[in-house]
């Protein structure tokens, strides 16, 4: 079935979820998509959040919050970026989850699938950004993490899609870069001090990437 084309009278409701990466990104979403009359954006990024961070009880805190957010926002689209806190080797329910281990992958896959099920309880579509490559070698398992997100979205297709964050944050070959050359030829910092989060220009690039995808998919019209 063709997607509903949003309008000012019937705007596209977007729910943005994730960790501190999404906190950076949702400001770009507000600048790019929030400026449109045919979009209503709700940002729910959470500092320090992660699927394997034991501070949050998975059932009582995380899934219940997703259910509440979906009930309140009634999203047509859920956008997700996460991954900055999945490399700490936390102990979850008494079990250590070393990054890159089989059990780490298993828990992340289970929780990613369960999260999508709750986001899509009322229908809609999920766009999940890959976790950006990071500068510090302790984030070396990002590729393995992204395999989980990609497999999850493949399993939920056509209701789920992957957005490759490094198409806009990376260099021409999708590799990590700290800076970007602006339209006027000036060199602009792209990633923040520790090479994890991104400055406004990065958030805006990702937001435009989503906008272009929503236009291609027929939910929005080009401006």
N, C-alpha and C. Protein backbone atom coordinates (compact mmCIF):
# COMPACT_ATOMS: atom_id res chain seq x y z
N UNK A 1 0.84 -1.19 0.00
CA UNK A 1 0.00 0.00 0.00
C UNK A 1 0.88 1.25 0.00
N UNK A 2 0.55 2.21 -0.83
CA UNK A 2 1.32 3.44 -0.92
C UNK A 2 1.21 4.22 0.39
N UNK A 3 2.31 4.88 0.81
CA UNK A 3 2.26 5.65 2.05
C UNK A 3 1.37 6.87 1.92
N UNK A 4 0.87 7.31 3.04
CA UNK A 4 0.11 8.56 3.07
C UNK A 4 1.05 9.73 2.83
N UNK A 5 0.65 10.64 1.94
CA UNK A 5 1.46 11.83 1.68
C UNK A 5 1.07 12.89 2.71
N UNK A 6 2.05 13.33 3.48
CA UNK A 6 1.77 14.29 4.55
C UNK A 6 1.39 15.65 3.99
N UNK A 7 0.64 16.39 4.79
CA UNK A 7 0.24 17.76 4.45
C UNK A 7 0.20 18.58 5.73
N UNK A 8 0.04 19.88 5.59
CA UNK A 8 -0.07 20.74 6.77
C UNK A 8 -1.30 20.38 7.59
N UNK A 9 -2.35 19.93 6.91
CA UNK A 9 -3.59 19.55 7.60
C UNK A 9 -3.48 18.17 8.24
N UNK A 10 -2.65 17.32 7.68
CA UNK A 10 -2.47 15.96 8.18
C UNK A 10 -0.97 15.63 8.17
N UNK A 11 -0.21 16.20 9.11
CA UNK A 11 1.26 16.09 9.06
C UNK A 11 1.77 14.70 9.39
N UNK A 12 2.99 14.44 8.95
CA UNK A 12 3.68 13.20 9.25
C UNK A 12 4.20 13.28 10.68
N UNK A 13 3.81 12.32 11.50
CA UNK A 13 4.23 12.31 12.91
C UNK A 13 5.47 11.43 13.04
N UNK A 14 6.57 12.06 13.45
CA UNK A 14 7.86 11.37 13.56
C UNK A 14 8.27 11.30 15.03
N UNK A 15 8.59 10.09 15.49
CA UNK A 15 9.10 9.87 16.84
C UNK A 15 10.57 9.48 16.72
N UNK A 16 11.46 10.25 17.36
CA UNK A 16 12.90 10.00 17.32
C UNK A 16 13.35 9.41 18.65
N UNK A 17 13.97 8.23 18.61
CA UNK A 17 14.38 7.53 19.83
C UNK A 17 15.84 7.12 19.71
N UNK A 18 16.46 6.84 20.87
CA UNK A 18 17.84 6.39 20.87
C UNK A 18 18.60 6.90 22.07
N UNK A 19 19.93 6.98 21.92
CA UNK A 19 20.80 7.38 23.03
C UNK A 19 21.28 8.81 22.81
N UNK A 20 22.47 9.15 23.32
CA UNK A 20 22.99 10.51 23.18
C UNK A 20 23.30 10.87 21.73
N UNK A 21 23.56 9.87 20.88
CA UNK A 21 23.71 10.15 19.46
C UNK A 21 22.44 10.77 18.90
N UNK A 22 21.29 10.25 19.33
CA UNK A 22 20.02 10.81 18.89
C UNK A 22 19.78 12.18 19.51
N UNK A 23 20.30 12.42 20.73
CA UNK A 23 20.16 13.76 21.31
C UNK A 23 20.80 14.80 20.40
N UNK A 24 21.99 14.50 19.85
CA UNK A 24 22.62 15.40 18.88
C UNK A 24 21.79 15.47 17.61
N UNK A 25 21.38 14.32 17.13
CA UNK A 25 20.69 14.24 15.85
C UNK A 25 19.33 14.92 15.87
N UNK A 26 18.62 14.83 16.99
CA UNK A 26 17.25 15.34 16.97
C UNK A 26 17.22 16.87 16.85
N UNK A 27 18.31 17.55 17.22
CA UNK A 27 18.37 19.00 16.97
C UNK A 27 18.45 19.28 15.48
N UNK A 28 19.18 18.43 14.76
CA UNK A 28 19.19 18.57 13.31
C UNK A 28 17.84 18.25 12.70
N UNK A 29 17.18 17.24 13.23
CA UNK A 29 15.84 16.91 12.75
C UNK A 29 14.88 18.08 12.97
N UNK A 30 15.03 18.74 14.11
CA UNK A 30 14.18 19.90 14.39
C UNK A 30 14.45 21.03 13.40
N UNK A 31 15.74 21.27 13.10
CA UNK A 31 16.08 22.35 12.18
C UNK A 31 15.61 22.05 10.76
N UNK A 32 15.76 20.80 10.32
CA UNK A 32 15.47 20.47 8.93
C UNK A 32 14.01 20.06 8.74
N UNK A 33 13.56 19.07 9.51
CA UNK A 33 12.20 18.56 9.33
C UNK A 33 11.18 19.33 10.17
N UNK A 34 11.62 19.80 11.35
CA UNK A 34 10.69 20.56 12.20
C UNK A 34 10.28 21.88 11.59
N UNK A 35 11.05 22.35 10.60
CA UNK A 35 10.70 23.61 9.92
C UNK A 35 9.60 23.41 8.88
N UNK A 36 9.28 22.15 8.59
CA UNK A 36 8.24 21.86 7.59
C UNK A 36 6.86 21.90 8.26
N UNK A 37 5.89 22.44 7.55
CA UNK A 37 4.53 22.48 8.09
C UNK A 37 3.85 21.13 8.04
N UNK A 38 4.42 20.18 7.26
CA UNK A 38 3.78 18.87 7.10
C UNK A 38 4.44 17.80 7.97
N UNK A 39 5.21 18.22 8.99
CA UNK A 39 5.87 17.29 9.90
C UNK A 39 5.67 17.73 11.33
N UNK A 40 5.39 16.76 12.21
CA UNK A 40 5.42 16.98 13.66
C UNK A 40 6.46 16.03 14.22
N UNK A 41 7.48 16.59 14.88
CA UNK A 41 8.61 15.81 15.37
C UNK A 41 8.59 15.76 16.89
N UNK A 42 8.76 14.57 17.44
CA UNK A 42 8.91 14.38 18.88
C UNK A 42 10.22 13.67 19.14
N UNK A 43 11.15 14.32 19.87
CA UNK A 43 12.45 13.75 20.16
C UNK A 43 12.51 13.13 21.55
N UNK A 44 12.94 11.86 21.62
CA UNK A 44 13.02 11.14 22.89
C UNK A 44 14.39 10.48 23.07
N UNK A 45 15.45 11.08 22.54
CA UNK A 45 16.78 10.57 22.79
C UNK A 45 17.11 10.67 24.28
N UNK A 46 17.92 9.72 24.80
CA UNK A 46 18.20 9.66 26.24
C UNK A 46 19.69 9.54 26.48
N UNK A 47 20.23 10.46 27.28
CA UNK A 47 21.65 10.46 27.62
C UNK A 47 22.01 9.18 28.38
N UNK A 48 23.06 8.49 27.92
CA UNK A 48 23.53 7.30 28.62
C UNK A 48 22.73 6.05 28.37
N UNK A 49 21.73 6.12 27.50
CA UNK A 49 20.88 4.96 27.26
C UNK A 49 21.58 3.95 26.37
N UNK A 50 21.20 2.71 26.50
CA UNK A 50 21.68 1.65 25.62
C UNK A 50 20.89 0.38 25.87
N UNK A 51 20.83 -0.48 24.88
CA UNK A 51 20.12 -1.74 25.05
C UNK A 51 20.78 -2.65 26.07
N UNK A 52 22.09 -2.44 26.31
CA UNK A 52 22.78 -3.27 27.30
C UNK A 52 23.23 -2.47 28.52
N UNK A 53 22.67 -1.29 28.72
CA UNK A 53 22.99 -0.48 29.90
C UNK A 53 22.05 -0.89 31.03
N UNK A 54 22.57 -1.41 32.14
CA UNK A 54 21.71 -1.99 33.17
C UNK A 54 20.96 -0.97 34.02
N UNK A 55 21.24 0.34 33.83
CA UNK A 55 20.53 1.36 34.60
C UNK A 55 19.03 1.30 34.35
N UNK A 56 18.64 0.92 33.13
CA UNK A 56 17.23 0.84 32.77
C UNK A 56 16.78 -0.62 32.79
N UNK A 57 15.68 -0.88 33.48
CA UNK A 57 15.06 -2.20 33.42
C UNK A 57 14.38 -2.34 32.05
N UNK A 58 14.71 -3.41 31.33
CA UNK A 58 14.25 -3.53 29.96
C UNK A 58 12.73 -3.52 29.86
N UNK A 59 12.07 -4.32 30.68
CA UNK A 59 10.61 -4.41 30.58
C UNK A 59 9.91 -3.23 31.25
N UNK A 60 10.34 -2.90 32.46
CA UNK A 60 9.63 -1.89 33.24
C UNK A 60 9.92 -0.46 32.77
N UNK A 61 11.16 -0.20 32.36
CA UNK A 61 11.54 1.15 31.96
C UNK A 61 11.49 1.35 30.45
N UNK A 62 12.18 0.49 29.71
CA UNK A 62 12.37 0.74 28.28
C UNK A 62 11.11 0.44 27.48
N UNK A 63 10.64 -0.80 27.56
CA UNK A 63 9.48 -1.16 26.73
C UNK A 63 8.22 -0.41 27.15
N UNK A 64 8.07 -0.17 28.43
CA UNK A 64 6.89 0.59 28.89
C UNK A 64 6.97 2.03 28.38
N UNK A 65 8.18 2.61 28.32
CA UNK A 65 8.33 3.96 27.79
C UNK A 65 8.05 3.99 26.29
N UNK A 66 8.50 2.95 25.58
CA UNK A 66 8.19 2.89 24.15
C UNK A 66 6.67 2.81 23.93
N UNK A 67 6.01 2.00 24.72
CA UNK A 67 4.55 1.89 24.60
C UNK A 67 3.87 3.23 24.86
N UNK A 68 4.33 3.94 25.89
CA UNK A 68 3.76 5.24 26.23
C UNK A 68 4.01 6.24 25.11
N UNK A 69 5.23 6.26 24.59
CA UNK A 69 5.56 7.19 23.52
C UNK A 69 4.71 6.95 22.28
N UNK A 70 4.55 5.68 21.93
CA UNK A 70 3.74 5.34 20.76
C UNK A 70 2.28 5.75 20.99
N UNK A 71 1.77 5.53 22.19
CA UNK A 71 0.39 5.89 22.49
C UNK A 71 0.20 7.41 22.44
N UNK A 72 1.19 8.15 22.91
CA UNK A 72 1.08 9.61 22.94
C UNK A 72 1.28 10.24 21.57
N UNK A 73 2.28 9.77 20.83
CA UNK A 73 2.65 10.40 19.57
C UNK A 73 1.88 9.84 18.39
N UNK A 74 1.53 8.55 18.45
CA UNK A 74 0.90 7.84 17.34
C UNK A 74 1.73 8.03 16.06
N UNK A 75 3.00 7.62 16.10
CA UNK A 75 3.91 7.96 15.00
C UNK A 75 3.61 7.23 13.70
N UNK A 76 3.74 7.99 12.62
CA UNK A 76 3.76 7.37 11.29
C UNK A 76 5.14 6.81 11.01
N UNK A 77 6.15 7.46 11.61
CA UNK A 77 7.55 7.10 11.39
C UNK A 77 8.27 7.12 12.73
N UNK A 78 9.07 6.08 12.99
CA UNK A 78 9.98 6.06 14.12
C UNK A 78 11.39 6.05 13.56
N UNK A 79 12.24 6.96 14.06
CA UNK A 79 13.64 6.99 13.63
C UNK A 79 14.51 6.68 14.84
N UNK A 80 15.56 5.89 14.59
CA UNK A 80 16.40 5.37 15.67
C UNK A 80 17.87 5.57 15.36
N UNK A 81 18.62 6.07 16.36
CA UNK A 81 20.08 6.00 16.32
C UNK A 81 20.57 5.66 17.72
N UNK A 82 21.42 4.64 17.80
CA UNK A 82 21.89 4.14 19.09
C UNK A 82 23.23 3.44 18.87
N UNK A 83 23.98 3.28 19.95
CA UNK A 83 25.21 2.50 19.84
C UNK A 83 26.38 3.00 20.65
N UNK A 84 26.30 4.24 21.16
CA UNK A 84 27.46 4.81 21.85
C UNK A 84 27.78 4.11 23.16
N UNK A 85 26.81 3.41 23.75
CA UNK A 85 27.00 2.84 25.08
C UNK A 85 26.93 1.31 25.10
N UNK A 86 27.07 0.70 23.94
CA UNK A 86 26.98 -0.76 23.86
C UNK A 86 28.34 -1.45 23.95
N UNK A 87 29.40 -0.69 24.26
CA UNK A 87 30.75 -1.25 24.25
C UNK A 87 31.40 -1.25 25.64
N UNK A 88 30.57 -1.12 26.68
CA UNK A 88 31.11 -0.99 28.03
C UNK A 88 31.32 -2.34 28.73
N UNK A 89 30.81 -3.44 28.15
CA UNK A 89 30.94 -4.74 28.80
C UNK A 89 30.14 -4.83 30.08
N UNK A 90 28.97 -4.23 30.08
CA UNK A 90 28.13 -4.23 31.27
C UNK A 90 27.71 -5.64 31.65
N UNK A 91 27.34 -5.80 32.92
CA UNK A 91 26.73 -7.02 33.42
C UNK A 91 25.22 -6.79 33.44
N UNK A 92 24.48 -7.57 32.69
CA UNK A 92 23.03 -7.43 32.57
C UNK A 92 22.38 -8.70 33.11
N UNK A 93 21.52 -8.53 34.10
CA UNK A 93 20.85 -9.68 34.73
C UNK A 93 21.87 -10.72 35.20
N UNK A 94 22.99 -10.22 35.76
CA UNK A 94 24.01 -11.10 36.31
C UNK A 94 24.94 -11.72 35.29
N UNK A 95 24.80 -11.32 34.02
CA UNK A 95 25.59 -11.91 32.94
C UNK A 95 26.44 -10.84 32.27
N UNK A 96 27.76 -11.06 32.20
CA UNK A 96 28.66 -10.13 31.53
C UNK A 96 28.47 -10.22 30.03
N UNK A 97 28.49 -9.06 29.38
CA UNK A 97 28.30 -9.01 27.93
C UNK A 97 29.50 -8.31 27.28
N UNK A 98 30.62 -9.02 27.12
CA UNK A 98 31.79 -8.42 26.46
C UNK A 98 31.44 -8.02 25.03
N UNK A 99 31.80 -6.81 24.63
CA UNK A 99 31.49 -6.36 23.26
C UNK A 99 32.05 -7.32 22.21
N UNK A 100 31.22 -7.67 21.26
CA UNK A 100 31.63 -8.57 20.19
C UNK A 100 31.40 -10.03 20.48
N UNK A 101 31.03 -10.36 21.72
CA UNK A 101 30.80 -11.76 22.07
C UNK A 101 29.48 -12.26 21.48
N UNK A 102 29.35 -13.57 21.39
CA UNK A 102 28.12 -14.15 20.86
C UNK A 102 26.92 -13.75 21.69
N UNK A 103 27.07 -13.77 23.01
CA UNK A 103 25.93 -13.43 23.88
C UNK A 103 25.58 -11.96 23.76
N UNK A 104 26.58 -11.11 23.62
CA UNK A 104 26.34 -9.67 23.39
C UNK A 104 25.49 -9.47 22.14
N UNK A 105 25.88 -10.14 21.06
CA UNK A 105 25.11 -10.03 19.82
C UNK A 105 23.70 -10.58 20.00
N UNK A 106 23.57 -11.67 20.72
CA UNK A 106 22.27 -12.30 20.90
C UNK A 106 21.33 -11.38 21.67
N UNK A 107 21.81 -10.80 22.77
CA UNK A 107 20.97 -9.91 23.58
C UNK A 107 20.57 -8.67 22.78
N UNK A 108 21.52 -8.09 22.07
CA UNK A 108 21.21 -6.90 21.27
C UNK A 108 20.19 -7.22 20.18
N UNK A 109 20.34 -8.36 19.53
CA UNK A 109 19.39 -8.74 18.48
C UNK A 109 17.99 -8.96 19.05
N UNK A 110 17.92 -9.62 20.20
CA UNK A 110 16.61 -9.85 20.82
C UNK A 110 15.94 -8.54 21.19
N UNK A 111 16.72 -7.63 21.77
CA UNK A 111 16.13 -6.38 22.22
C UNK A 111 15.81 -5.44 21.06
N UNK A 112 16.62 -5.46 20.04
CA UNK A 112 16.31 -4.65 18.86
C UNK A 112 15.00 -5.11 18.23
N UNK A 113 14.83 -6.41 18.08
CA UNK A 113 13.60 -6.95 17.51
C UNK A 113 12.38 -6.60 18.37
N UNK A 114 12.55 -6.73 19.68
CA UNK A 114 11.44 -6.43 20.58
C UNK A 114 11.09 -4.95 20.55
N UNK A 115 12.11 -4.09 20.48
CA UNK A 115 11.85 -2.66 20.42
C UNK A 115 11.05 -2.30 19.18
N UNK A 116 11.44 -2.85 18.02
CA UNK A 116 10.72 -2.56 16.78
C UNK A 116 9.27 -3.01 16.88
N UNK A 117 9.04 -4.16 17.48
CA UNK A 117 7.68 -4.66 17.64
C UNK A 117 6.82 -3.66 18.42
N UNK A 118 7.39 -3.05 19.44
CA UNK A 118 6.64 -2.07 20.24
C UNK A 118 6.46 -0.76 19.47
N UNK A 119 7.48 -0.33 18.71
CA UNK A 119 7.33 0.90 17.93
C UNK A 119 6.27 0.77 16.86
N UNK A 120 6.14 -0.43 16.29
CA UNK A 120 5.22 -0.62 15.18
C UNK A 120 3.86 -1.16 15.61
N UNK A 121 3.60 -1.13 16.91
CA UNK A 121 2.33 -1.68 17.41
C UNK A 121 1.13 -0.99 16.76
N UNK A 122 1.28 0.28 16.40
CA UNK A 122 0.18 1.00 15.77
C UNK A 122 0.36 1.18 14.29
N UNK A 123 1.28 0.43 13.68
CA UNK A 123 1.58 0.58 12.26
C UNK A 123 2.76 1.51 12.07
N UNK A 124 2.91 2.03 10.86
CA UNK A 124 3.98 2.98 10.58
C UNK A 124 5.21 2.32 9.99
N UNK A 125 6.34 3.03 10.12
CA UNK A 125 7.59 2.58 9.51
C UNK A 125 8.75 2.99 10.40
N UNK A 126 9.77 2.15 10.48
CA UNK A 126 10.97 2.44 11.26
C UNK A 126 12.14 2.67 10.31
N UNK A 127 12.85 3.78 10.52
CA UNK A 127 14.12 4.05 9.85
C UNK A 127 15.21 4.02 10.92
N UNK A 128 16.15 3.11 10.75
CA UNK A 128 17.19 2.89 11.76
C UNK A 128 18.54 3.25 11.16
N UNK A 129 19.18 4.29 11.70
CA UNK A 129 20.51 4.66 11.24
C UNK A 129 21.54 3.68 11.76
N UNK A 130 22.50 3.33 10.92
CA UNK A 130 23.64 2.59 11.41
C UNK A 130 24.40 3.44 12.43
N UNK A 131 25.03 2.78 13.37
CA UNK A 131 25.86 3.49 14.35
C UNK A 131 27.10 4.04 13.63
N UNK A 132 27.37 5.34 13.77
CA UNK A 132 28.53 5.90 13.06
C UNK A 132 29.84 5.30 13.55
N UNK A 133 30.80 5.15 12.64
CA UNK A 133 32.14 4.79 13.04
C UNK A 133 32.69 5.84 13.99
N UNK A 134 33.51 5.40 14.95
CA UNK A 134 34.03 6.31 15.97
C UNK A 134 35.54 6.23 16.00
N UNK A 135 36.15 7.26 16.57
CA UNK A 135 37.60 7.40 16.52
C UNK A 135 38.32 6.46 17.46
N UNK A 136 37.79 6.27 18.67
CA UNK A 136 38.47 5.48 19.70
C UNK A 136 38.43 3.99 19.36
N UNK A 137 39.57 3.29 19.45
CA UNK A 137 39.58 1.87 19.10
C UNK A 137 38.71 1.00 19.99
N UNK A 138 38.27 1.49 21.15
CA UNK A 138 37.39 0.66 21.98
C UNK A 138 36.01 0.49 21.34
N UNK A 139 35.74 1.28 20.28
CA UNK A 139 34.48 1.12 19.54
C UNK A 139 34.69 0.29 18.28
N UNK A 140 35.69 -0.57 18.30
CA UNK A 140 36.05 -1.31 17.10
C UNK A 140 34.96 -2.26 16.62
N UNK A 141 34.03 -2.63 17.51
CA UNK A 141 32.98 -3.58 17.14
C UNK A 141 31.76 -2.90 16.52
N UNK A 142 31.90 -1.66 16.06
CA UNK A 142 30.76 -0.96 15.46
C UNK A 142 30.21 -1.74 14.26
N UNK A 143 31.08 -2.30 13.45
CA UNK A 143 30.60 -3.05 12.28
C UNK A 143 29.73 -4.24 12.71
N UNK A 144 30.13 -4.92 13.78
CA UNK A 144 29.32 -6.03 14.29
C UNK A 144 27.98 -5.53 14.82
N UNK A 145 28.02 -4.38 15.48
CA UNK A 145 26.78 -3.79 15.97
C UNK A 145 25.85 -3.47 14.81
N UNK A 146 26.39 -2.91 13.76
CA UNK A 146 25.56 -2.53 12.61
C UNK A 146 25.00 -3.75 11.88
N UNK A 147 25.73 -4.86 11.92
CA UNK A 147 25.17 -6.08 11.34
C UNK A 147 23.87 -6.47 12.05
N UNK A 148 23.82 -6.24 13.35
CA UNK A 148 22.61 -6.56 14.12
C UNK A 148 21.47 -5.65 13.70
N UNK A 149 21.76 -4.35 13.60
CA UNK A 149 20.69 -3.41 13.20
C UNK A 149 20.21 -3.72 11.79
N UNK A 150 21.13 -4.03 10.88
CA UNK A 150 20.74 -4.34 9.50
C UNK A 150 19.91 -5.61 9.43
N UNK A 151 20.33 -6.65 10.15
CA UNK A 151 19.56 -7.90 10.16
C UNK A 151 18.17 -7.68 10.74
N UNK A 152 18.08 -6.84 11.76
CA UNK A 152 16.78 -6.55 12.37
C UNK A 152 15.85 -5.88 11.37
N UNK A 153 16.36 -4.88 10.67
CA UNK A 153 15.52 -4.17 9.71
C UNK A 153 15.16 -5.05 8.52
N UNK A 154 16.08 -5.92 8.11
CA UNK A 154 15.77 -6.85 7.04
C UNK A 154 14.61 -7.76 7.44
N UNK A 155 14.63 -8.19 8.70
CA UNK A 155 13.58 -9.08 9.19
C UNK A 155 12.23 -8.38 9.25
N UNK A 156 12.24 -7.06 9.44
CA UNK A 156 10.99 -6.30 9.56
C UNK A 156 10.56 -5.67 8.24
N UNK A 157 11.33 -5.84 7.19
CA UNK A 157 10.96 -5.26 5.90
C UNK A 157 9.60 -5.83 5.45
N UNK A 158 8.76 -5.01 4.82
CA UNK A 158 9.02 -3.65 4.34
C UNK A 158 8.71 -2.55 5.36
N UNK A 159 8.41 -2.91 6.61
CA UNK A 159 8.07 -1.89 7.61
C UNK A 159 9.31 -1.28 8.26
N UNK A 160 10.50 -1.77 7.90
CA UNK A 160 11.74 -1.25 8.47
C UNK A 160 12.78 -1.01 7.39
N UNK A 161 13.56 0.07 7.56
CA UNK A 161 14.60 0.41 6.60
C UNK A 161 15.85 0.87 7.35
N UNK A 162 17.01 0.61 6.75
CA UNK A 162 18.29 1.07 7.28
C UNK A 162 18.71 2.34 6.56
N UNK A 163 19.25 3.29 7.32
CA UNK A 163 19.91 4.46 6.77
C UNK A 163 21.39 4.38 7.15
N UNK A 164 22.26 4.49 6.17
CA UNK A 164 23.69 4.38 6.41
C UNK A 164 24.24 5.74 6.85
N UNK A 165 24.54 5.87 8.14
CA UNK A 165 25.01 7.15 8.67
C UNK A 165 26.32 7.61 8.04
N UNK A 166 27.17 6.65 7.64
CA UNK A 166 28.48 7.01 7.11
C UNK A 166 28.41 7.49 5.66
N UNK A 167 27.25 7.37 5.02
CA UNK A 167 27.09 7.97 3.70
C UNK A 167 27.24 9.48 3.79
N UNK A 168 26.85 10.06 4.93
CA UNK A 168 26.95 11.51 5.08
C UNK A 168 28.02 11.92 6.09
N UNK A 169 28.31 11.07 7.08
CA UNK A 169 29.33 11.41 8.06
C UNK A 169 30.73 10.97 7.62
N UNK A 170 30.82 9.99 6.75
CA UNK A 170 32.11 9.45 6.33
C UNK A 170 32.69 10.18 5.12
N UNK A 171 33.90 9.76 4.75
CA UNK A 171 34.51 10.31 3.54
C UNK A 171 33.92 9.60 2.32
N UNK A 172 34.55 9.79 1.17
CA UNK A 172 34.00 9.20 -0.06
C UNK A 172 33.94 7.69 -0.04
N UNK A 173 34.74 7.07 0.84
CA UNK A 173 34.74 5.62 0.96
C UNK A 173 34.03 5.14 2.22
N UNK A 174 33.30 6.05 2.89
CA UNK A 174 32.57 5.67 4.09
C UNK A 174 33.42 5.50 5.33
N UNK A 175 34.66 6.03 5.30
CA UNK A 175 35.54 5.93 6.46
C UNK A 175 35.35 7.12 7.39
N UNK A 176 35.81 6.96 8.63
CA UNK A 176 35.69 8.01 9.63
C UNK A 176 36.44 9.27 9.17
N UNK A 177 35.82 10.43 9.45
CA UNK A 177 36.52 11.70 9.21
C UNK A 177 36.13 12.68 10.31
N UNK A 178 37.05 13.58 10.65
CA UNK A 178 36.83 14.57 11.70
C UNK A 178 36.27 15.87 11.17
N UNK A 179 36.55 16.15 9.89
CA UNK A 179 36.21 17.45 9.32
C UNK A 179 35.50 17.28 7.99
N UNK A 180 34.87 18.35 7.58
CA UNK A 180 34.17 18.33 6.30
C UNK A 180 34.45 19.65 5.60
N UNK A 181 34.51 19.65 4.29
CA UNK A 181 34.71 20.88 3.53
C UNK A 181 33.34 21.46 3.21
N UNK A 182 33.09 22.67 3.69
CA UNK A 182 31.80 23.33 3.51
C UNK A 182 31.64 23.81 2.06
N UNK A 183 30.45 24.28 1.73
CA UNK A 183 30.16 24.72 0.37
C UNK A 183 31.06 25.87 -0.06
N UNK A 184 31.51 26.69 0.90
CA UNK A 184 32.37 27.82 0.55
C UNK A 184 33.85 27.45 0.55
N UNK A 185 34.15 26.15 0.73
CA UNK A 185 35.53 25.69 0.71
C UNK A 185 36.22 25.68 2.05
N UNK A 186 35.56 26.17 3.08
CA UNK A 186 36.16 26.20 4.41
C UNK A 186 36.07 24.82 5.06
N UNK A 187 37.04 24.54 5.96
CA UNK A 187 37.07 23.26 6.67
C UNK A 187 36.31 23.42 7.98
N UNK A 188 35.32 22.56 8.19
CA UNK A 188 34.43 22.67 9.35
C UNK A 188 34.53 21.40 10.18
N UNK A 189 34.70 21.51 11.51
CA UNK A 189 34.72 20.31 12.35
C UNK A 189 33.40 19.56 12.24
N UNK A 190 33.49 18.24 12.08
CA UNK A 190 32.30 17.40 11.93
C UNK A 190 32.00 16.62 13.20
N UNK A 191 33.01 16.02 13.81
CA UNK A 191 32.82 15.21 15.00
C UNK A 191 33.38 15.92 16.22
N UNK A 192 32.78 15.69 17.36
CA UNK A 192 33.18 16.35 18.60
C UNK A 192 34.45 15.73 19.16
N UNK A 193 34.87 16.25 20.30
CA UNK A 193 36.20 16.01 20.86
C UNK A 193 36.61 14.54 20.87
N UNK A 194 35.74 13.64 21.29
CA UNK A 194 36.12 12.24 21.46
C UNK A 194 35.80 11.39 20.23
N UNK A 195 35.35 12.03 19.15
CA UNK A 195 35.09 11.30 17.93
C UNK A 195 33.87 10.40 17.98
N UNK A 196 32.96 10.67 18.91
CA UNK A 196 31.74 9.87 19.04
C UNK A 196 30.54 10.65 18.50
N UNK A 197 30.28 11.79 19.10
CA UNK A 197 29.13 12.60 18.70
C UNK A 197 29.51 13.53 17.56
N UNK A 198 28.54 14.26 17.05
CA UNK A 198 28.79 15.12 15.90
C UNK A 198 28.24 16.52 16.15
N UNK A 199 28.83 17.48 15.47
CA UNK A 199 28.40 18.86 15.57
C UNK A 199 27.12 19.08 14.76
N UNK A 200 26.64 20.33 14.78
CA UNK A 200 25.38 20.65 14.11
C UNK A 200 25.39 20.25 12.64
N UNK A 201 26.53 20.45 11.96
CA UNK A 201 26.57 20.14 10.53
C UNK A 201 26.32 18.66 10.29
N UNK A 202 26.84 17.81 11.18
CA UNK A 202 26.59 16.37 11.04
C UNK A 202 25.13 16.02 11.28
N UNK A 203 24.53 16.63 12.30
CA UNK A 203 23.12 16.38 12.59
C UNK A 203 22.24 16.84 11.43
N UNK A 204 22.60 17.97 10.84
CA UNK A 204 21.80 18.48 9.72
C UNK A 204 21.95 17.59 8.48
N UNK A 205 23.16 17.08 8.25
CA UNK A 205 23.36 16.17 7.11
C UNK A 205 22.52 14.91 7.27
N UNK A 206 22.49 14.36 8.47
CA UNK A 206 21.69 13.16 8.73
C UNK A 206 20.20 13.46 8.58
N UNK A 207 19.78 14.63 9.06
CA UNK A 207 18.37 15.00 8.95
C UNK A 207 17.96 15.14 7.49
N UNK A 208 18.83 15.72 6.67
CA UNK A 208 18.52 15.84 5.24
C UNK A 208 18.50 14.47 4.58
N UNK A 209 19.37 13.57 5.05
CA UNK A 209 19.36 12.21 4.52
C UNK A 209 18.00 11.57 4.76
N UNK A 210 17.45 11.74 5.96
CA UNK A 210 16.13 11.20 6.26
C UNK A 210 15.06 11.88 5.41
N UNK A 211 15.13 13.20 5.31
CA UNK A 211 14.13 13.92 4.52
C UNK A 211 14.11 13.41 3.08
N UNK A 212 15.30 13.25 2.50
CA UNK A 212 15.37 12.75 1.12
C UNK A 212 14.79 11.35 1.00
N UNK A 213 15.02 10.50 2.01
CA UNK A 213 14.47 9.14 1.98
C UNK A 213 12.94 9.17 2.09
N UNK A 214 12.41 10.04 2.94
CA UNK A 214 10.96 10.16 3.10
C UNK A 214 10.32 10.67 1.81
N UNK A 215 11.04 11.53 1.09
CA UNK A 215 10.52 12.01 -0.20
C UNK A 215 10.53 10.85 -1.21
N UNK A 216 11.63 10.10 -1.26
CA UNK A 216 11.70 8.97 -2.18
C UNK A 216 10.62 7.94 -1.87
N UNK A 217 10.34 7.74 -0.59
CA UNK A 217 9.35 6.74 -0.19
C UNK A 217 7.91 7.25 -0.32
N UNK A 218 7.74 8.53 -0.63
CA UNK A 218 6.41 9.06 -0.89
C UNK A 218 5.67 9.63 0.30
N UNK A 219 6.32 9.73 1.46
CA UNK A 219 5.63 10.29 2.64
C UNK A 219 5.65 11.80 2.65
N UNK A 220 6.70 12.39 2.06
CA UNK A 220 6.82 13.85 1.98
C UNK A 220 7.00 14.25 0.52
N UNK A 221 6.66 15.51 0.22
CA UNK A 221 6.90 16.06 -1.10
C UNK A 221 8.12 16.96 -1.03
N UNK A 222 8.85 17.05 -2.13
CA UNK A 222 10.05 17.90 -2.18
C UNK A 222 9.65 19.36 -2.01
N UNK A 223 10.50 20.09 -1.30
CA UNK A 223 10.24 21.52 -1.11
C UNK A 223 10.89 22.33 -2.22
